[in-house]
Amino acid sequence: MKYTVLVAEDRRTLREGMLQALTHEGFAAVGAANGQEALEYFESGGSASLIVLDLQMPVMDGWTFRQAQATRPRIAGIPTIILSGLDVTHADALGVPTATLQKPVDLQTFIAAVRTVCDGLDGNGKTRSRR
């Protein structure tokens, strides 16, 4: 199964580098420059198996996006990796993200984190339940 990863990151060069690396590794990759663009993508019918979310972005930051995500049943359960230059040790305040990565992050670490999350998804793109 080809997983779709939405990358919400305001720094264009970083976003494009992550999208290119994901595509090279066999993922479908979609970019958004901020949380508002990410929400608009989903509201227009777009889907994703995983969201990679920067916290500091203009227009709509990662915290605001996570609040909006939680209120939308169709996207509330999408696993989310927080990627930030901020201290991410308190990222659990964002509604238990799936993983956190501290910027700067090398692409191998980034891809490994994405693979780990996607390896934990079932055939429908949902997180497998743990028994």
N, C-alpha and C. Protein backbone atom coordinates (compact mmCIF):
# COMPACT_ATOMS: atom_id res chain seq x y z
N MET A 1 0.84 -1.19 0.00
CA MET A 1 0.00 0.00 0.00
C MET A 1 0.88 1.24 0.00
N LYS A 2 0.54 2.20 -0.81
CA LYS A 2 1.27 3.46 -0.87
C LYS A 2 0.62 4.44 0.09
N TYR A 3 1.36 4.86 1.10
CA TYR A 3 0.83 5.79 2.09
C TYR A 3 1.03 7.22 1.64
N THR A 4 0.06 8.07 1.95
CA THR A 4 0.15 9.49 1.65
C THR A 4 0.54 10.23 2.92
N VAL A 5 1.56 11.07 2.80
CA VAL A 5 2.05 11.87 3.92
C VAL A 5 1.86 13.34 3.58
N LEU A 6 1.14 14.05 4.44
CA LEU A 6 0.97 15.49 4.29
C LEU A 6 2.02 16.17 5.16
N VAL A 7 2.82 17.04 4.56
CA VAL A 7 3.86 17.78 5.28
C VAL A 7 3.44 19.24 5.37
N ALA A 8 3.15 19.70 6.57
CA ALA A 8 2.80 21.11 6.81
C ALA A 8 4.03 21.79 7.41
N GLU A 9 4.71 22.54 6.57
CA GLU A 9 5.97 23.20 6.93
C GLU A 9 6.06 24.50 6.13
N ASP A 10 6.33 25.61 6.81
CA ASP A 10 6.33 26.90 6.12
C ASP A 10 7.62 27.18 5.36
N ARG A 11 8.72 26.58 5.75
CA ARG A 11 9.98 26.80 5.02
C ARG A 11 9.97 25.97 3.74
N ARG A 12 9.83 26.67 2.62
CA ARG A 12 9.65 26.02 1.32
C ARG A 12 10.76 25.02 1.00
N THR A 13 12.00 25.40 1.20
CA THR A 13 13.10 24.49 0.85
C THR A 13 13.08 23.23 1.70
N LEU A 14 12.77 23.37 2.98
CA LEU A 14 12.69 22.20 3.86
C LEU A 14 11.50 21.33 3.46
N ARG A 15 10.35 21.97 3.23
CA ARG A 15 9.15 21.22 2.83
C ARG A 15 9.40 20.45 1.53
N GLU A 16 9.96 21.13 0.54
CA GLU A 16 10.22 20.48 -0.74
C GLU A 16 11.23 19.35 -0.60
N GLY A 17 12.24 19.53 0.24
CA GLY A 17 13.22 18.46 0.47
C GLY A 17 12.57 17.24 1.10
N MET A 18 11.69 17.46 2.08
CA MET A 18 11.00 16.34 2.71
C MET A 18 10.07 15.65 1.72
N LEU A 19 9.35 16.44 0.91
CA LEU A 19 8.45 15.85 -0.08
C LEU A 19 9.23 15.02 -1.09
N GLN A 20 10.36 15.53 -1.52
CA GLN A 20 11.19 14.81 -2.48
C GLN A 20 11.72 13.51 -1.88
N ALA A 21 12.19 13.57 -0.63
CA ALA A 21 12.70 12.37 0.04
C ALA A 21 11.59 11.33 0.21
N LEU A 22 10.40 11.77 0.59
CA LEU A 22 9.27 10.85 0.75
C LEU A 22 8.92 10.19 -0.57
N THR A 23 8.85 10.97 -1.62
CA THR A 23 8.53 10.43 -2.94
C THR A 23 9.59 9.42 -3.38
N HIS A 24 10.84 9.75 -3.14
CA HIS A 24 11.95 8.85 -3.49
C HIS A 24 11.83 7.52 -2.74
N GLU A 25 11.30 7.57 -1.53
CA GLU A 25 11.16 6.36 -0.70
C GLU A 25 9.85 5.61 -0.96
N GLY A 26 9.05 6.08 -1.93
CA GLY A 26 7.85 5.35 -2.32
C GLY A 26 6.56 5.83 -1.70
N PHE A 27 6.60 6.93 -0.98
CA PHE A 27 5.38 7.49 -0.39
C PHE A 27 4.76 8.48 -1.37
N ALA A 28 3.46 8.69 -1.27
CA ALA A 28 2.82 9.82 -1.93
C ALA A 28 2.98 10.98 -0.97
N ALA A 29 3.35 12.15 -1.45
CA ALA A 29 3.64 13.27 -0.57
C ALA A 29 2.89 14.52 -1.02
N VAL A 30 2.32 15.22 -0.04
CA VAL A 30 1.56 16.44 -0.29
C VAL A 30 2.11 17.50 0.65
N GLY A 31 2.27 18.72 0.15
CA GLY A 31 2.79 19.79 0.98
C GLY A 31 1.77 20.87 1.28
N ALA A 32 1.94 21.50 2.43
CA ALA A 32 1.13 22.65 2.83
C ALA A 32 2.07 23.64 3.52
N ALA A 33 1.91 24.93 3.22
CA ALA A 33 2.80 25.95 3.78
C ALA A 33 2.41 26.37 5.20
N ASN A 34 1.23 25.94 5.65
CA ASN A 34 0.78 26.29 7.01
C ASN A 34 -0.43 25.41 7.35
N GLY A 35 -0.89 25.54 8.57
CA GLY A 35 -2.01 24.73 9.02
C GLY A 35 -3.29 24.99 8.26
N GLN A 36 -3.52 26.24 7.85
CA GLN A 36 -4.72 26.57 7.10
C GLN A 36 -4.73 25.85 5.75
N GLU A 37 -3.59 25.82 5.06
CA GLU A 37 -3.52 25.10 3.80
C GLU A 37 -3.75 23.60 4.02
N ALA A 38 -3.24 23.08 5.11
CA ALA A 38 -3.45 21.65 5.42
C ALA A 38 -4.93 21.38 5.64
N LEU A 39 -5.61 22.22 6.42
CA LEU A 39 -7.05 22.05 6.64
C LEU A 39 -7.83 22.16 5.33
N GLU A 40 -7.47 23.12 4.50
CA GLU A 40 -8.15 23.28 3.21
C GLU A 40 -7.96 22.05 2.34
N TYR A 41 -6.78 21.45 2.39
CA TYR A 41 -6.53 20.22 1.64
C TYR A 41 -7.52 19.13 2.08
N PHE A 42 -7.65 18.96 3.39
CA PHE A 42 -8.57 17.93 3.90
C PHE A 42 -10.02 18.30 3.61
N GLU A 43 -10.38 19.55 3.78
CA GLU A 43 -11.76 19.98 3.56
C GLU A 43 -12.17 19.87 2.09
N SER A 44 -11.20 19.89 1.18
CA SER A 44 -11.51 19.73 -0.24
C SER A 44 -11.52 18.26 -0.65
N GLY A 45 -11.44 17.35 0.33
CA GLY A 45 -11.53 15.93 0.04
C GLY A 45 -10.22 15.19 0.05
N GLY A 46 -9.11 15.89 0.27
CA GLY A 46 -7.81 15.24 0.32
C GLY A 46 -7.70 14.30 1.51
N SER A 47 -6.81 13.34 1.39
CA SER A 47 -6.62 12.40 2.48
C SER A 47 -5.14 12.19 2.73
N ALA A 48 -4.82 11.65 3.88
CA ALA A 48 -3.44 11.34 4.23
C ALA A 48 -3.44 10.22 5.26
N SER A 49 -2.40 9.43 5.23
CA SER A 49 -2.20 8.37 6.22
C SER A 49 -1.44 8.91 7.43
N LEU A 50 -0.71 10.01 7.21
CA LEU A 50 0.16 10.58 8.23
C LEU A 50 0.30 12.07 7.96
N ILE A 51 0.38 12.85 9.05
CA ILE A 51 0.65 14.29 8.95
C ILE A 51 1.98 14.56 9.63
N VAL A 52 2.84 15.31 8.94
CA VAL A 52 4.07 15.83 9.55
C VAL A 52 3.82 17.32 9.74
N LEU A 53 3.92 17.78 10.99
CA LEU A 53 3.43 19.12 11.33
C LEU A 53 4.49 19.95 12.03
N ASP A 54 4.84 21.06 11.41
CA ASP A 54 5.69 22.07 12.05
C ASP A 54 4.80 22.82 13.05
N LEU A 55 5.40 23.35 14.10
CA LEU A 55 4.61 24.09 15.08
C LEU A 55 4.56 25.57 14.79
N GLN A 56 5.68 26.15 14.37
CA GLN A 56 5.74 27.59 14.12
C GLN A 56 5.57 27.86 12.64
N MET A 57 4.36 28.29 12.29
CA MET A 57 4.05 28.64 10.90
C MET A 57 3.16 29.87 10.90
N PRO A 58 3.24 30.67 9.84
CA PRO A 58 2.32 31.82 9.73
C PRO A 58 0.91 31.35 9.38
N VAL A 59 -0.02 32.22 9.43
CA VAL A 59 -1.43 32.01 9.09
C VAL A 59 -2.10 31.11 10.12
N MET A 60 -1.72 29.84 10.18
CA MET A 60 -2.22 28.92 11.21
C MET A 60 -1.05 28.05 11.66
N ASP A 61 -0.71 28.15 12.94
CA ASP A 61 0.42 27.37 13.45
C ASP A 61 0.00 25.94 13.78
N GLY A 62 0.96 25.13 14.18
CA GLY A 62 0.71 23.72 14.46
C GLY A 62 -0.24 23.49 15.62
N TRP A 63 -0.15 24.32 16.65
CA TRP A 63 -1.05 24.15 17.79
C TRP A 63 -2.50 24.37 17.36
N THR A 64 -2.74 25.43 16.60
CA THR A 64 -4.10 25.73 16.15
C THR A 64 -4.60 24.63 15.21
N PHE A 65 -3.71 24.15 14.34
CA PHE A 65 -4.10 23.06 13.45
C PHE A 65 -4.52 21.84 14.25
N ARG A 66 -3.74 21.48 15.29
CA ARG A 66 -4.07 20.29 16.09
C ARG A 66 -5.43 20.45 16.77
N GLN A 67 -5.75 21.65 17.23
CA GLN A 67 -7.07 21.90 17.83
C GLN A 67 -8.16 21.68 16.79
N ALA A 68 -7.96 22.21 15.59
CA ALA A 68 -8.95 22.05 14.53
C ALA A 68 -9.03 20.59 14.10
N GLN A 69 -7.92 19.91 14.01
CA GLN A 69 -7.89 18.50 13.63
C GLN A 69 -8.73 17.66 14.59
N ALA A 70 -8.60 17.95 15.87
CA ALA A 70 -9.31 17.17 16.88
C ALA A 70 -10.83 17.31 16.78
N THR A 71 -11.31 18.40 16.18
CA THR A 71 -12.75 18.63 16.08
C THR A 71 -13.35 18.10 14.78
N ARG A 72 -12.53 17.56 13.93
CA ARG A 72 -12.99 17.06 12.63
C ARG A 72 -12.83 15.54 12.59
N PRO A 73 -13.93 14.82 12.74
CA PRO A 73 -13.85 13.36 12.85
C PRO A 73 -13.09 12.68 11.70
N ARG A 74 -13.19 13.21 10.49
CA ARG A 74 -12.53 12.55 9.36
C ARG A 74 -11.01 12.58 9.46
N ILE A 75 -10.46 13.60 10.13
CA ILE A 75 -9.00 13.71 10.22
C ILE A 75 -8.46 13.60 11.64
N ALA A 76 -9.35 13.54 12.62
CA ALA A 76 -8.92 13.53 14.02
C ALA A 76 -7.98 12.37 14.35
N GLY A 77 -8.19 11.23 13.72
CA GLY A 77 -7.39 10.06 14.06
C GLY A 77 -6.14 9.86 13.22
N ILE A 78 -5.84 10.81 12.33
CA ILE A 78 -4.65 10.65 11.49
C ILE A 78 -3.41 10.82 12.36
N PRO A 79 -2.51 9.84 12.35
CA PRO A 79 -1.28 9.96 13.14
C PRO A 79 -0.51 11.22 12.73
N THR A 80 0.11 11.86 13.71
CA THR A 80 0.81 13.12 13.46
C THR A 80 2.20 13.09 14.07
N ILE A 81 3.18 13.44 13.26
CA ILE A 81 4.55 13.62 13.73
C ILE A 81 4.78 15.12 13.85
N ILE A 82 5.16 15.55 15.05
CA ILE A 82 5.48 16.96 15.27
C ILE A 82 6.95 17.15 14.92
N LEU A 83 7.22 18.14 14.09
CA LEU A 83 8.58 18.48 13.67
C LEU A 83 8.78 19.95 13.98
N SER A 84 9.69 20.25 14.91
CA SER A 84 9.81 21.64 15.33
C SER A 84 11.21 21.98 15.80
N GLY A 85 11.54 23.25 15.67
CA GLY A 85 12.77 23.78 16.23
C GLY A 85 12.59 24.15 17.68
N LEU A 86 11.36 24.13 18.15
CA LEU A 86 11.06 24.40 19.55
C LEU A 86 11.35 23.17 20.39
N ASP A 87 11.41 23.35 21.69
CA ASP A 87 11.55 22.21 22.60
C ASP A 87 10.29 21.36 22.48
N VAL A 88 10.44 20.13 22.02
CA VAL A 88 9.29 19.26 21.80
C VAL A 88 9.04 18.29 22.96
N THR A 89 9.70 18.52 24.09
CA THR A 89 9.52 17.60 25.21
C THR A 89 8.11 17.69 25.81
N HIS A 90 7.41 18.77 25.54
CA HIS A 90 6.05 18.93 26.07
C HIS A 90 5.01 18.81 24.95
N ALA A 91 5.34 18.08 23.90
CA ALA A 91 4.44 17.94 22.76
C ALA A 91 3.17 17.19 23.10
N ASP A 92 3.14 16.48 24.23
CA ASP A 92 1.93 15.77 24.61
C ASP A 92 0.76 16.73 24.83
N ALA A 93 1.07 18.01 25.07
CA ALA A 93 0.02 19.02 25.21
C ALA A 93 -0.72 19.24 23.89
N LEU A 94 -0.17 18.70 22.80
CA LEU A 94 -0.78 18.84 21.49
C LEU A 94 -1.73 17.69 21.18
N GLY A 95 -2.10 16.91 22.16
CA GLY A 95 -3.04 15.83 21.92
C GLY A 95 -2.36 14.53 21.55
N VAL A 96 -1.29 14.20 22.21
CA VAL A 96 -0.56 12.95 22.04
C VAL A 96 -0.17 12.70 20.58
N PRO A 97 0.79 13.46 20.09
CA PRO A 97 1.27 13.18 18.73
C PRO A 97 1.91 11.80 18.68
N THR A 98 1.96 11.23 17.49
CA THR A 98 2.51 9.91 17.30
C THR A 98 4.01 9.89 17.56
N ALA A 99 4.69 10.94 17.15
CA ALA A 99 6.14 11.06 17.34
C ALA A 99 6.50 12.53 17.31
N THR A 100 7.67 12.84 17.84
CA THR A 100 8.19 14.20 17.78
C THR A 100 9.62 14.16 17.27
N LEU A 101 9.94 15.10 16.41
CA LEU A 101 11.28 15.23 15.87
C LEU A 101 11.75 16.66 16.09
N GLN A 102 12.97 16.82 16.55
CA GLN A 102 13.56 18.13 16.79
C GLN A 102 14.31 18.59 15.54
N LYS A 103 14.05 19.82 15.10
CA LYS A 103 14.82 20.40 14.00
C LYS A 103 16.16 20.87 14.53
N PRO A 104 17.21 20.82 13.76
CA PRO A 104 17.24 20.22 12.42
C PRO A 104 17.25 18.70 12.53
N VAL A 105 16.57 18.06 11.61
CA VAL A 105 16.50 16.60 11.58
C VAL A 105 17.10 16.14 10.25
N ASP A 106 17.91 15.10 10.31
CA ASP A 106 18.45 14.60 9.05
C ASP A 106 17.38 13.75 8.36
N LEU A 107 17.49 13.65 7.05
CA LEU A 107 16.46 12.97 6.26
C LEU A 107 16.34 11.49 6.59
N GLN A 108 17.44 10.83 6.97
CA GLN A 108 17.36 9.41 7.34
C GLN A 108 16.51 9.22 8.59
N THR A 109 16.68 10.09 9.57
CA THR A 109 15.88 10.02 10.80
C THR A 109 14.42 10.31 10.49
N PHE A 110 14.19 11.31 9.65
CA PHE A 110 12.84 11.68 9.25
C PHE A 110 12.14 10.51 8.55
N ILE A 111 12.79 9.93 7.56
CA ILE A 111 12.20 8.81 6.81
C ILE A 111 11.98 7.62 7.73
N ALA A 112 12.91 7.36 8.64
CA ALA A 112 12.76 6.24 9.58
C ALA A 112 11.52 6.44 10.46
N ALA A 113 11.30 7.67 10.91
CA ALA A 113 10.13 7.95 11.75
C ALA A 113 8.84 7.76 10.95
N VAL A 114 8.82 8.22 9.70
CA VAL A 114 7.64 8.04 8.85
C VAL A 114 7.38 6.56 8.61
N ARG A 115 8.42 5.81 8.31
CA ARG A 115 8.26 4.36 8.09
C ARG A 115 7.73 3.65 9.33
N THR A 116 8.25 4.02 10.48
CA THR A 116 7.80 3.40 11.73
C THR A 116 6.31 3.63 11.94
N VAL A 117 5.85 4.86 11.72
CA VAL A 117 4.43 5.15 11.88
C VAL A 117 3.62 4.37 10.85
N CYS A 118 4.03 4.42 9.60
CA CYS A 118 3.27 3.75 8.54
C CYS A 118 3.28 2.23 8.71
N ASP A 119 4.36 1.68 9.25
CA ASP A 119 4.40 0.24 9.51
C ASP A 119 3.37 -0.16 10.57
N GLY A 120 2.94 0.80 11.38
CA GLY A 120 1.94 0.53 12.41
C GLY A 120 0.51 0.75 11.96
N LEU A 121 0.32 1.05 10.66
CA LEU A 121 -1.03 1.28 10.14
C LEU A 121 -1.59 0.00 9.55
N ASP A 122 -2.91 -0.15 9.64
CA ASP A 122 -3.55 -1.31 9.03
C ASP A 122 -3.78 -1.03 7.54
N GLY A 123 -4.41 -1.91 6.85
CA GLY A 123 -4.65 -1.77 5.42
C GLY A 123 -5.54 -0.61 5.05
N ASN A 124 -6.25 -0.03 6.02
CA ASN A 124 -7.13 1.11 5.77
C ASN A 124 -6.50 2.43 6.17
N GLY A 125 -5.20 2.40 6.52
CA GLY A 125 -4.52 3.63 6.91
C GLY A 125 -4.81 4.06 8.33
N LYS A 126 -5.40 3.17 9.14
CA LYS A 126 -5.69 3.46 10.54
C LYS A 126 -4.63 2.82 11.43
N THR A 127 -4.35 3.43 12.56
CA THR A 127 -3.40 2.84 13.49
C THR A 127 -3.93 1.51 13.98
N ARG A 128 -3.08 0.49 13.90
CA ARG A 128 -3.51 -0.84 14.36
C ARG A 128 -3.77 -0.78 15.85
N SER A 129 -4.84 -1.43 16.27
CA SER A 129 -5.15 -1.47 17.69
C SER A 129 -4.18 -2.41 18.37
N ARG A 130 -3.80 -2.05 19.58
CA ARG A 130 -2.87 -2.88 20.34
C ARG A 130 -3.67 -3.71 21.32
N ARG A 131 -3.38 -5.00 21.36
CA ARG A 131 -4.12 -5.89 22.26
C ARG A 131 -3.28 -6.29 23.43
